[in-house]
C-alpha cells in the first residue's frame, strides 16, 4: 500500500468522523438577541437533535422566529415549556401559529396553538401538522391575553429533528478504531516490503 493511499484513507476517515456530529440550534434571547414580533425575522437552520429557542415573555412581548429544515431531515416533535409568574392574574395566555414559508398570516396555516400559562408545562404543540419535512417554516406569536395585572414567563421551544433515513455513518469513535487498525496494517506491510528489498 502506497503512502498516498494511506494519507487518502486517513483524510476520508477524519471527514466521516466530522460529519457524524450534529449541531442542534441553541438560541437564547439573552445571548443571541431579542426575537422580532413578526415574520420574517430570525431564521434558524435546524440540525439533528433537540433544537431550542428560549427567552422571557410577558403580556405584549411578541416573540416569533423562522426555521429551515434541511434536506434529509424532519421535525418530529415540537414542545413549549414555561415557568410562569402569576402576579394576581386569573387568565394569561399566548397564541401561536405555525406557517409554511416564513411568512406570517399567509395561508396555508399548518396549525395554531394557545398556551394557557395556568396549565401544565411542557406542552406538545402543532401535533396535527407534524412531521415537517424539508423547507422553511415560521412560528408567529399572534396574540397575548391577560385579565387583571401584568404577567411574565420564561419559555423554551424544543424542536426535535431526526434524519429522514437512518444514518449509515458509524460513530466517530468506531471510525477512529477501524481507521487506526487499517493504517497500522498498511504501515506494517510497507515496512515489511522495504525490509525485503
N, C-alpha and C. Protein backbone atom coordinates (compact mmCIF):
# COMPACT_ATOMS: atom_id res chain seq x y z
N UNK A 1 0.85 -1.18 0.00
CA UNK A 1 0.00 0.00 0.00
C UNK A 1 0.89 1.24 0.00
N UNK A 2 0.64 2.17 -0.89
CA UNK A 2 1.49 3.35 -1.00
C UNK A 2 1.14 4.39 0.06
N UNK A 3 2.09 5.31 0.26
CA UNK A 3 1.87 6.38 1.24
C UNK A 3 0.68 7.25 0.84
N UNK A 4 0.51 7.47 -0.46
CA UNK A 4 -0.62 8.30 -0.92
C UNK A 4 -1.95 7.67 -0.53
N UNK A 5 -2.06 6.36 -0.70
CA UNK A 5 -3.29 5.67 -0.34
C UNK A 5 -3.55 5.75 1.16
N UNK A 6 -2.51 5.64 1.95
CA UNK A 6 -2.64 5.73 3.41
C UNK A 6 -3.13 7.11 3.81
N UNK A 7 -2.54 8.15 3.23
CA UNK A 7 -2.97 9.53 3.54
C UNK A 7 -4.41 9.74 3.10
N UNK A 8 -4.79 9.22 1.93
CA UNK A 8 -6.16 9.34 1.44
C UNK A 8 -7.15 8.67 2.39
N UNK A 9 -6.81 7.48 2.87
CA UNK A 9 -7.68 6.78 3.84
C UNK A 9 -7.83 7.58 5.13
N UNK A 10 -6.73 8.14 5.61
CA UNK A 10 -6.78 8.93 6.85
C UNK A 10 -7.68 10.14 6.68
N UNK A 11 -7.57 10.84 5.55
CA UNK A 11 -8.42 12.01 5.29
C UNK A 11 -9.89 11.63 5.20
N UNK A 12 -10.17 10.53 4.51
CA UNK A 12 -11.55 10.05 4.37
C UNK A 12 -12.16 9.72 5.72
N UNK A 13 -11.42 9.00 6.56
CA UNK A 13 -11.93 8.63 7.87
C UNK A 13 -12.14 9.85 8.76
N UNK A 14 -11.24 10.83 8.72
CA UNK A 14 -11.44 12.02 9.55
C UNK A 14 -12.63 12.83 9.06
N UNK A 15 -12.87 12.86 7.73
CA UNK A 15 -14.03 13.57 7.19
C UNK A 15 -15.33 12.94 7.60
N UNK A 16 -15.40 11.60 7.61
CA UNK A 16 -16.61 10.91 8.04
C UNK A 16 -16.87 11.13 9.52
N UNK A 17 -15.83 11.12 10.32
CA UNK A 17 -15.99 11.34 11.76
C UNK A 17 -16.54 12.73 12.03
N UNK A 18 -16.10 13.73 11.27
CA UNK A 18 -16.59 15.09 11.46
C UNK A 18 -18.06 15.20 11.10
N UNK A 19 -18.51 14.56 9.99
CA UNK A 19 -19.90 14.67 9.56
C UNK A 19 -20.86 13.94 10.49
N UNK A 20 -20.38 13.03 11.32
CA UNK A 20 -21.26 12.27 12.20
C UNK A 20 -21.74 13.11 13.38
N UNK A 21 -21.13 14.28 13.62
CA UNK A 21 -21.50 15.11 14.76
C UNK A 21 -22.56 16.13 14.36
N UNK A 22 -23.73 16.07 14.97
CA UNK A 22 -24.80 17.03 14.71
C UNK A 22 -24.61 18.26 15.60
N UNK A 23 -25.09 19.41 15.14
CA UNK A 23 -25.02 20.63 15.94
C UNK A 23 -26.39 21.29 15.98
N UNK A 24 -27.27 20.82 16.89
CA UNK A 24 -28.59 21.44 17.02
C UNK A 24 -28.48 22.90 17.45
N UNK A 25 -29.48 23.69 17.09
CA UNK A 25 -29.54 25.11 17.44
C UNK A 25 -29.84 25.27 18.93
N UNK A 26 -29.13 26.20 19.56
CA UNK A 26 -29.46 26.65 20.91
C UNK A 26 -29.51 28.17 20.85
N UNK A 27 -30.72 28.72 20.74
CA UNK A 27 -30.91 30.17 20.63
C UNK A 27 -31.50 30.67 21.94
N UNK A 28 -30.77 31.57 22.60
CA UNK A 28 -31.23 32.17 23.86
C UNK A 28 -31.29 33.67 23.65
N UNK A 29 -32.45 34.27 23.87
CA UNK A 29 -32.61 35.71 23.63
C UNK A 29 -31.58 36.55 24.39
N UNK A 30 -31.24 36.16 25.62
CA UNK A 30 -30.29 36.94 26.41
C UNK A 30 -28.91 36.98 25.77
N UNK A 31 -28.56 35.94 25.01
CA UNK A 31 -27.24 35.85 24.39
C UNK A 31 -27.29 36.20 22.91
N UNK A 32 -28.29 35.66 22.21
CA UNK A 32 -28.34 35.75 20.74
C UNK A 32 -29.12 36.95 20.23
N UNK A 33 -29.87 37.63 21.08
CA UNK A 33 -30.64 38.81 20.66
C UNK A 33 -32.14 38.58 20.76
N UNK A 34 -32.87 39.69 20.91
CA UNK A 34 -34.32 39.64 21.07
C UNK A 34 -34.97 39.18 19.76
N UNK A 35 -35.94 38.28 19.88
CA UNK A 35 -36.68 37.83 18.71
C UNK A 35 -37.64 38.92 18.27
N UNK A 36 -37.92 38.99 16.97
CA UNK A 36 -38.82 40.02 16.45
C UNK A 36 -40.27 39.65 16.75
N UNK A 37 -41.13 40.65 16.65
CA UNK A 37 -42.55 40.44 16.94
C UNK A 37 -43.25 39.68 15.83
N UNK A 38 -42.74 39.75 14.59
CA UNK A 38 -43.42 39.09 13.48
C UNK A 38 -42.40 38.57 12.48
N UNK A 39 -42.88 37.79 11.54
CA UNK A 39 -42.03 37.25 10.48
C UNK A 39 -42.05 38.19 9.28
N UNK A 40 -41.05 38.21 8.39
CA UNK A 40 -39.83 37.45 8.55
C UNK A 40 -38.98 38.05 9.66
N UNK A 41 -38.26 37.21 10.34
CA UNK A 41 -37.44 37.64 11.47
C UNK A 41 -36.21 36.76 11.55
N UNK A 42 -35.90 36.33 12.75
CA UNK A 42 -34.74 35.48 12.97
C UNK A 42 -34.96 34.14 12.27
N UNK A 43 -34.01 33.73 11.43
CA UNK A 43 -34.09 32.46 10.71
C UNK A 43 -33.01 31.52 11.24
N UNK A 44 -33.43 30.36 11.70
CA UNK A 44 -32.53 29.36 12.26
C UNK A 44 -32.49 28.14 11.35
N UNK A 45 -31.33 27.56 11.15
CA UNK A 45 -31.20 26.32 10.39
C UNK A 45 -31.03 25.18 11.37
N UNK A 46 -32.01 24.29 11.43
CA UNK A 46 -32.02 23.21 12.40
C UNK A 46 -31.07 22.09 12.00
N UNK A 47 -30.70 21.26 12.99
CA UNK A 47 -29.88 20.08 12.75
C UNK A 47 -30.45 18.94 13.57
N UNK A 48 -29.95 17.75 13.34
CA UNK A 48 -30.45 16.56 14.05
C UNK A 48 -30.25 16.73 15.55
N UNK A 49 -31.28 16.44 16.33
CA UNK A 49 -31.23 16.55 17.79
C UNK A 49 -32.31 17.49 18.30
N UNK A 50 -32.15 17.92 19.55
CA UNK A 50 -33.10 18.84 20.19
C UNK A 50 -32.64 20.28 19.98
N UNK A 51 -33.32 21.00 19.08
CA UNK A 51 -33.03 22.41 18.81
C UNK A 51 -33.90 23.25 19.74
N UNK A 52 -33.31 24.25 20.43
CA UNK A 52 -34.06 25.02 21.41
C UNK A 52 -33.99 26.52 21.13
N UNK A 53 -35.11 27.19 21.45
CA UNK A 53 -35.22 28.65 21.38
C UNK A 53 -35.83 29.06 22.71
N UNK A 54 -35.16 29.94 23.46
CA UNK A 54 -35.67 30.29 24.78
C UNK A 54 -35.51 31.78 25.06
N UNK A 55 -36.33 32.24 25.99
CA UNK A 55 -36.26 33.64 26.39
C UNK A 55 -37.38 34.00 27.35
N UNK A 56 -37.48 35.28 27.71
CA UNK A 56 -38.56 35.75 28.56
C UNK A 56 -39.74 36.23 27.70
N UNK A 57 -40.91 36.19 28.27
CA UNK A 57 -42.08 36.76 27.60
C UNK A 57 -42.97 37.40 28.65
N UNK A 58 -43.85 38.29 28.21
CA UNK A 58 -44.80 38.94 29.10
C UNK A 58 -45.95 39.43 28.24
N UNK A 59 -46.99 39.94 28.88
CA UNK A 59 -48.13 40.45 28.13
C UNK A 59 -47.65 41.56 27.20
N UNK A 60 -47.87 41.39 25.90
CA UNK A 60 -47.47 42.40 24.92
C UNK A 60 -46.10 42.19 24.31
N UNK A 61 -45.29 41.25 24.83
CA UNK A 61 -43.98 40.96 24.25
C UNK A 61 -44.12 39.79 23.29
N UNK A 62 -44.16 40.08 22.00
CA UNK A 62 -44.37 39.05 21.00
C UNK A 62 -43.03 38.54 20.49
N UNK A 63 -42.82 37.22 20.52
CA UNK A 63 -41.58 36.60 20.04
C UNK A 63 -41.90 35.60 18.94
N UNK A 64 -41.39 35.85 17.74
CA UNK A 64 -41.61 34.98 16.59
C UNK A 64 -40.26 34.61 15.98
N UNK A 65 -40.20 33.46 15.32
CA UNK A 65 -38.96 33.06 14.65
C UNK A 65 -39.28 32.11 13.51
N UNK A 66 -38.33 31.98 12.60
CA UNK A 66 -38.47 31.08 11.45
C UNK A 66 -37.36 30.05 11.52
N UNK A 67 -37.59 28.90 10.90
CA UNK A 67 -36.58 27.85 10.90
C UNK A 67 -36.60 27.09 9.59
N UNK A 68 -35.43 26.63 9.20
CA UNK A 68 -35.28 25.83 7.99
C UNK A 68 -34.96 24.39 8.39
N UNK A 69 -35.69 23.45 7.79
CA UNK A 69 -35.41 22.03 7.96
C UNK A 69 -34.65 21.60 6.71
N UNK A 70 -33.36 21.24 6.85
CA UNK A 70 -32.57 20.87 5.67
C UNK A 70 -33.04 19.57 5.03
N UNK A 71 -32.65 19.37 3.78
CA UNK A 71 -32.93 18.12 3.06
C UNK A 71 -32.29 16.97 3.85
N UNK A 72 -33.02 15.87 3.96
CA UNK A 72 -32.52 14.70 4.69
C UNK A 72 -32.90 14.71 6.16
N UNK A 73 -33.71 15.72 6.58
CA UNK A 73 -34.12 15.82 7.98
C UNK A 73 -35.62 16.07 8.08
N UNK A 74 -36.17 15.84 9.29
CA UNK A 74 -37.59 16.09 9.54
C UNK A 74 -37.79 16.47 11.00
N UNK A 75 -38.75 17.39 11.25
CA UNK A 75 -39.12 17.75 12.62
C UNK A 75 -40.21 16.78 13.05
N UNK A 76 -39.96 16.05 14.12
CA UNK A 76 -40.91 15.04 14.58
C UNK A 76 -41.73 15.46 15.78
N UNK A 77 -41.27 16.49 16.50
CA UNK A 77 -41.97 16.90 17.73
C UNK A 77 -41.60 18.34 18.04
N UNK A 78 -42.61 19.12 18.48
CA UNK A 78 -42.37 20.49 18.94
C UNK A 78 -43.04 20.64 20.31
N UNK A 79 -42.27 21.10 21.29
CA UNK A 79 -42.83 21.34 22.62
C UNK A 79 -42.54 22.77 23.07
N UNK A 80 -43.40 23.25 23.96
CA UNK A 80 -43.26 24.59 24.54
C UNK A 80 -43.30 24.41 26.05
N UNK A 81 -42.18 24.71 26.72
CA UNK A 81 -42.10 24.63 28.17
C UNK A 81 -42.03 26.04 28.74
N UNK A 82 -42.60 26.25 29.94
CA UNK A 82 -42.60 27.59 30.52
C UNK A 82 -42.60 27.54 32.04
N UNK A 83 -42.11 28.64 32.61
CA UNK A 83 -42.20 28.89 34.05
C UNK A 83 -42.91 30.24 34.15
N UNK A 84 -44.04 30.27 34.88
CA UNK A 84 -44.94 31.41 34.86
C UNK A 84 -44.95 32.14 36.20
N UNK A 85 -45.02 33.48 36.14
CA UNK A 85 -45.18 34.32 37.33
C UNK A 85 -46.55 34.98 37.24
N UNK A 86 -47.47 34.59 38.15
CA UNK A 86 -48.88 34.95 38.01
C UNK A 86 -49.21 36.41 38.32
N UNK A 87 -48.67 36.98 39.35
CA UNK A 87 -48.96 38.37 39.73
C UNK A 87 -50.45 38.68 39.83
N UNK A 88 -51.25 37.76 40.35
CA UNK A 88 -52.66 38.02 40.59
C UNK A 88 -53.58 37.85 39.41
N UNK A 89 -53.08 37.36 38.27
CA UNK A 89 -53.92 37.17 37.10
C UNK A 89 -54.89 36.02 37.30
N UNK A 90 -56.03 36.11 36.65
CA UNK A 90 -56.95 34.97 36.59
C UNK A 90 -56.92 34.34 35.21
N UNK A 91 -56.24 34.97 34.26
CA UNK A 91 -56.06 34.42 32.92
C UNK A 91 -54.80 35.00 32.31
N UNK A 92 -54.02 34.15 31.67
CA UNK A 92 -52.82 34.60 30.98
C UNK A 92 -52.51 33.58 29.89
N UNK A 93 -52.31 34.05 28.66
CA UNK A 93 -52.04 33.12 27.57
C UNK A 93 -51.29 33.82 26.45
N UNK A 94 -50.67 33.02 25.60
CA UNK A 94 -50.11 33.46 24.33
C UNK A 94 -50.62 32.52 23.26
N UNK A 95 -50.91 33.06 22.09
CA UNK A 95 -51.34 32.25 20.96
C UNK A 95 -50.27 32.24 19.87
N UNK A 96 -50.05 31.07 19.27
CA UNK A 96 -49.02 30.92 18.25
C UNK A 96 -49.60 30.25 17.01
N UNK A 97 -48.95 30.53 15.87
CA UNK A 97 -49.37 29.95 14.60
C UNK A 97 -48.14 29.38 13.91
N UNK A 98 -48.29 28.20 13.32
CA UNK A 98 -47.22 27.58 12.55
C UNK A 98 -47.52 27.82 11.08
N UNK A 99 -46.60 28.49 10.38
CA UNK A 99 -46.79 28.85 8.99
C UNK A 99 -45.72 28.19 8.13
N UNK A 100 -46.05 27.98 6.87
CA UNK A 100 -45.10 27.45 5.90
C UNK A 100 -44.52 28.60 5.10
N UNK A 101 -43.21 28.60 4.90
CA UNK A 101 -42.60 29.60 4.03
C UNK A 101 -42.14 30.87 4.72
N UNK A 102 -42.04 30.89 6.06
CA UNK A 102 -41.52 32.04 6.78
C UNK A 102 -42.32 33.31 6.53
N UNK A 103 -43.63 33.17 6.37
CA UNK A 103 -44.49 34.33 6.13
C UNK A 103 -45.69 34.28 7.06
N UNK A 104 -45.82 35.25 7.93
CA UNK A 104 -46.93 35.27 8.88
C UNK A 104 -48.22 35.66 8.19
N UNK A 105 -49.30 35.07 8.65
CA UNK A 105 -50.66 35.42 8.22
C UNK A 105 -50.90 35.22 6.74
N UNK A 106 -50.21 34.27 6.15
CA UNK A 106 -50.44 33.92 4.74
C UNK A 106 -50.78 32.44 4.68
N UNK A 107 -51.94 32.11 4.13
CA UNK A 107 -52.36 30.71 4.04
C UNK A 107 -51.40 29.94 3.13
N UNK A 108 -51.22 28.66 3.33
CA UNK A 108 -51.94 27.83 4.30
C UNK A 108 -51.27 27.83 5.67
N UNK A 109 -52.08 27.91 6.71
CA UNK A 109 -51.58 27.78 8.07
C UNK A 109 -51.48 26.30 8.38
N UNK A 110 -50.41 25.91 9.02
CA UNK A 110 -50.25 24.50 9.37
C UNK A 110 -50.86 24.17 10.72
N UNK A 111 -51.02 25.17 11.55
CA UNK A 111 -51.63 24.92 12.85
C UNK A 111 -51.59 26.17 13.72
N UNK A 112 -52.44 26.19 14.74
CA UNK A 112 -52.41 27.27 15.72
C UNK A 112 -52.55 26.65 17.11
N UNK A 113 -52.00 27.33 18.09
CA UNK A 113 -51.95 26.79 19.45
C UNK A 113 -52.02 27.93 20.45
N UNK A 114 -52.88 27.79 21.45
CA UNK A 114 -52.93 28.75 22.54
C UNK A 114 -52.31 28.10 23.76
N UNK A 115 -51.39 28.81 24.41
CA UNK A 115 -50.72 28.31 25.61
C UNK A 115 -51.32 29.01 26.82
N UNK A 116 -51.96 28.25 27.69
CA UNK A 116 -52.52 28.75 28.94
C UNK A 116 -51.44 28.64 30.01
N UNK A 117 -50.98 29.77 30.53
CA UNK A 117 -49.89 29.76 31.49
C UNK A 117 -50.30 29.24 32.87
N UNK A 118 -51.57 28.97 33.08
CA UNK A 118 -52.00 28.32 34.31
C UNK A 118 -52.10 26.80 34.11
N UNK A 119 -51.77 26.34 32.91
CA UNK A 119 -51.83 24.91 32.60
C UNK A 119 -50.50 24.21 32.85
N UNK A 120 -50.44 22.95 32.40
CA UNK A 120 -49.25 22.12 32.60
C UNK A 120 -48.15 22.51 31.61
N UNK A 121 -46.93 22.30 32.02
CA UNK A 121 -45.77 22.54 31.18
C UNK A 121 -44.85 21.33 31.26
N UNK A 122 -44.24 20.89 30.16
CA UNK A 122 -44.30 21.40 28.79
C UNK A 122 -45.56 20.94 28.06
N UNK A 123 -45.83 21.61 26.92
CA UNK A 123 -46.99 21.32 26.10
C UNK A 123 -46.51 20.89 24.72
N UNK A 124 -47.01 19.75 24.22
CA UNK A 124 -46.74 19.37 22.82
C UNK A 124 -47.63 20.23 21.94
N UNK A 125 -47.04 20.86 20.92
CA UNK A 125 -47.79 21.78 20.08
C UNK A 125 -47.72 21.39 18.61
N UNK A 126 -48.71 21.84 17.85
CA UNK A 126 -48.80 21.65 16.40
C UNK A 126 -48.72 20.17 15.99
N UNK A 127 -49.22 19.28 16.85
CA UNK A 127 -49.13 17.84 16.59
C UNK A 127 -49.77 17.43 15.28
N UNK A 128 -50.89 18.07 14.91
CA UNK A 128 -51.59 17.68 13.68
C UNK A 128 -50.80 18.04 12.41
N UNK A 129 -49.82 18.96 12.52
CA UNK A 129 -49.03 19.36 11.35
C UNK A 129 -47.75 18.54 11.20
N UNK A 130 -47.40 17.77 12.21
CA UNK A 130 -46.12 17.04 12.18
C UNK A 130 -46.30 15.72 11.46
N UNK A 131 -45.37 15.31 10.75
CA UNK A 131 -43.95 15.57 10.64
C UNK A 131 -43.71 16.68 9.61
N UNK A 132 -42.73 17.60 9.90
CA UNK A 132 -42.37 18.66 8.96
C UNK A 132 -41.13 18.24 8.18
N UNK A 133 -41.27 18.18 6.86
CA UNK A 133 -40.14 17.82 6.00
C UNK A 133 -39.30 19.03 5.65
N UNK A 134 -38.37 18.87 4.71
CA UNK A 134 -37.50 19.98 4.32
C UNK A 134 -38.30 21.20 3.86
N UNK A 135 -37.83 22.38 4.28
CA UNK A 135 -38.49 23.63 3.92
C UNK A 135 -38.25 24.67 5.00
N UNK A 136 -38.86 25.83 4.81
CA UNK A 136 -38.76 26.92 5.78
C UNK A 136 -40.13 27.17 6.38
N UNK A 137 -40.16 27.31 7.70
CA UNK A 137 -41.40 27.46 8.45
C UNK A 137 -41.26 28.64 9.40
N UNK A 138 -42.39 29.11 9.92
CA UNK A 138 -42.36 30.19 10.90
C UNK A 138 -43.30 29.90 12.05
N UNK A 139 -42.86 30.23 13.25
CA UNK A 139 -43.74 30.22 14.43
C UNK A 139 -43.96 31.67 14.81
N UNK A 140 -45.20 32.11 14.65
CA UNK A 140 -45.57 33.51 14.87
C UNK A 140 -46.44 33.61 16.11
N UNK A 141 -46.10 34.55 16.99
CA UNK A 141 -46.99 34.82 18.11
C UNK A 141 -48.10 35.73 17.59
N UNK A 142 -49.35 35.25 17.66
CA UNK A 142 -50.45 36.00 17.04
C UNK A 142 -51.30 36.78 18.04
N UNK A 143 -51.25 36.41 19.33
CA UNK A 143 -51.99 37.19 20.32
C UNK A 143 -51.42 36.93 21.71
N UNK A 144 -51.87 37.74 22.65
CA UNK A 144 -51.43 37.65 24.04
C UNK A 144 -52.59 38.12 24.90
N UNK A 145 -52.84 37.45 26.01
CA UNK A 145 -54.01 37.81 26.81
C UNK A 145 -53.72 37.91 28.29
N UNK A 146 -54.52 38.71 28.96
CA UNK A 146 -54.43 38.88 30.41
C UNK A 146 -55.80 39.28 30.92
N UNK A 147 -55.98 39.19 32.23
CA UNK A 147 -57.27 39.60 32.78
C UNK A 147 -57.15 40.82 33.66
N UNK A 148 -56.24 40.82 34.60
CA UNK A 148 -56.19 41.96 35.52
C UNK A 148 -54.83 42.64 35.53
N UNK A 149 -53.81 41.96 36.00
CA UNK A 149 -52.49 42.57 36.12
C UNK A 149 -51.53 42.00 35.08
N UNK A 150 -50.34 42.58 35.03
CA UNK A 150 -49.33 42.09 34.09
C UNK A 150 -48.81 40.73 34.55
N UNK A 151 -48.21 40.00 33.61
CA UNK A 151 -47.64 38.71 33.92
C UNK A 151 -46.33 38.53 33.16
N UNK A 152 -45.55 37.57 33.56
CA UNK A 152 -44.31 37.26 32.85
C UNK A 152 -44.04 35.77 32.93
N UNK A 153 -43.23 35.29 32.01
CA UNK A 153 -42.86 33.87 31.97
C UNK A 153 -41.53 33.74 31.26
N UNK A 154 -40.86 32.65 31.49
CA UNK A 154 -39.72 32.25 30.67
C UNK A 154 -40.15 31.02 29.90
N UNK A 155 -39.67 30.88 28.67
CA UNK A 155 -40.14 29.77 27.83
C UNK A 155 -38.97 29.12 27.12
N UNK A 156 -39.19 27.89 26.68
CA UNK A 156 -38.25 27.18 25.81
C UNK A 156 -39.04 26.38 24.78
N UNK A 157 -38.83 26.71 23.50
CA UNK A 157 -39.32 25.89 22.41
C UNK A 157 -38.30 24.79 22.18
N UNK A 158 -38.74 23.56 21.99
CA UNK A 158 -37.84 22.46 21.62
C UNK A 158 -38.38 21.82 20.35
N UNK A 159 -37.56 21.84 19.31
CA UNK A 159 -37.92 21.23 18.02
C UNK A 159 -37.00 20.04 17.81
N UNK A 160 -37.56 18.84 17.91
CA UNK A 160 -36.77 17.62 17.76
C UNK A 160 -36.67 17.25 16.29
N UNK A 161 -35.44 17.09 15.82
CA UNK A 161 -35.16 16.79 14.42
C UNK A 161 -34.48 15.43 14.31
N UNK A 162 -34.95 14.64 13.35
CA UNK A 162 -34.36 13.33 13.07
C UNK A 162 -33.97 13.27 11.60
N UNK A 163 -33.00 12.41 11.26
CA UNK A 163 -32.71 12.20 9.84
C UNK A 163 -33.88 11.46 9.20
N UNK A 164 -34.12 11.71 7.91
CA UNK A 164 -35.23 11.03 7.24
C UNK A 164 -34.94 9.56 7.00
N UNK A 165 -33.66 9.21 6.90
CA UNK A 165 -33.26 7.80 6.82
C UNK A 165 -32.22 7.55 7.88
N UNK A 166 -32.22 6.35 8.46
CA UNK A 166 -31.21 6.06 9.49
C UNK A 166 -29.81 6.27 8.93
N UNK A 167 -28.96 6.87 9.73
CA UNK A 167 -27.60 7.15 9.29
C UNK A 167 -26.78 5.88 9.20
N UNK A 168 -26.10 5.73 8.08
CA UNK A 168 -25.21 4.59 7.90
C UNK A 168 -23.80 4.93 8.35
N UNK A 169 -23.59 6.18 8.78
CA UNK A 169 -22.26 6.60 9.21
C UNK A 169 -22.02 6.12 10.63
N UNK A 170 -20.95 5.36 10.87
CA UNK A 170 -20.68 4.88 12.22
C UNK A 170 -20.31 6.00 13.17
N UNK A 171 -20.34 5.70 14.45
CA UNK A 171 -19.93 6.66 15.47
C UNK A 171 -18.48 7.07 15.23
N UNK A 172 -18.09 8.31 15.58
CA UNK A 172 -16.71 8.74 15.37
C UNK A 172 -15.68 7.84 16.07
N UNK A 173 -15.97 7.37 17.27
CA UNK A 173 -15.02 6.52 17.99
C UNK A 173 -14.80 5.21 17.24
N UNK A 174 -15.86 4.64 16.68
CA UNK A 174 -15.73 3.40 15.92
C UNK A 174 -14.90 3.62 14.66
N UNK A 175 -15.13 4.77 14.00
CA UNK A 175 -14.36 5.09 12.80
C UNK A 175 -12.87 5.19 13.13
N UNK A 176 -12.57 5.87 14.22
CA UNK A 176 -11.16 6.03 14.59
C UNK A 176 -10.51 4.69 14.92
N UNK A 177 -11.25 3.82 15.59
CA UNK A 177 -10.72 2.50 15.92
C UNK A 177 -10.43 1.70 14.66
N UNK A 178 -11.39 1.67 13.74
CA UNK A 178 -11.20 0.95 12.48
C UNK A 178 -10.07 1.59 11.67
N UNK A 179 -10.06 2.91 11.61
CA UNK A 179 -9.04 3.62 10.86
C UNK A 179 -7.64 3.36 11.40
N UNK A 180 -7.51 3.33 12.71
CA UNK A 180 -6.21 3.04 13.32
C UNK A 180 -5.73 1.64 12.93
N UNK A 181 -6.64 0.68 12.96
CA UNK A 181 -6.29 -0.68 12.55
C UNK A 181 -5.86 -0.76 11.10
N UNK A 182 -6.61 -0.09 10.22
CA UNK A 182 -6.27 -0.10 8.79
C UNK A 182 -4.92 0.55 8.56
N UNK A 183 -4.69 1.71 9.17
CA UNK A 183 -3.42 2.41 8.99
C UNK A 183 -2.26 1.62 9.57
N UNK A 184 -2.47 1.00 10.73
CA UNK A 184 -1.41 0.18 11.34
C UNK A 184 -1.02 -0.98 10.44
N UNK A 185 -2.02 -1.65 9.87
CA UNK A 185 -1.74 -2.77 8.95
C UNK A 185 -1.02 -2.30 7.71
N UNK A 186 -1.40 -1.14 7.18
CA UNK A 186 -0.77 -0.60 5.98
C UNK A 186 0.69 -0.25 6.24
N UNK A 187 0.97 0.38 7.38
CA UNK A 187 2.36 0.71 7.71
C UNK A 187 3.20 -0.55 7.90
N UNK A 188 2.63 -1.57 8.50
CA UNK A 188 3.36 -2.82 8.72
C UNK A 188 3.73 -3.46 7.38
N UNK A 189 2.78 -3.47 6.44
CA UNK A 189 3.06 -4.01 5.11
C UNK A 189 4.14 -3.21 4.39
N UNK A 190 4.07 -1.90 4.52
CA UNK A 190 5.05 -1.03 3.87
C UNK A 190 6.44 -1.30 4.42
N UNK A 191 6.55 -1.45 5.72
CA UNK A 191 7.84 -1.73 6.35
C UNK A 191 8.40 -3.07 5.91
N UNK A 192 7.51 -4.08 5.87
CA UNK A 192 8.00 -5.42 5.50
C UNK A 192 8.44 -5.45 4.04
N UNK A 193 7.78 -4.69 3.16
CA UNK A 193 8.19 -4.62 1.75
C UNK A 193 9.56 -3.94 1.62
N UNK A 194 9.76 -2.87 2.40
CA UNK A 194 11.05 -2.16 2.35
C UNK A 194 12.17 -3.04 2.91
N UNK A 195 11.86 -3.79 3.95
CA UNK A 195 12.87 -4.66 4.56
C UNK A 195 13.25 -5.80 3.60
N UNK A 196 12.30 -6.25 2.78
CA UNK A 196 12.55 -7.35 1.84
C UNK A 196 13.43 -6.91 0.68
N UNK A 197 13.48 -5.62 0.35
CA UNK A 197 14.27 -5.14 -0.79
C UNK A 197 15.72 -5.05 -0.50
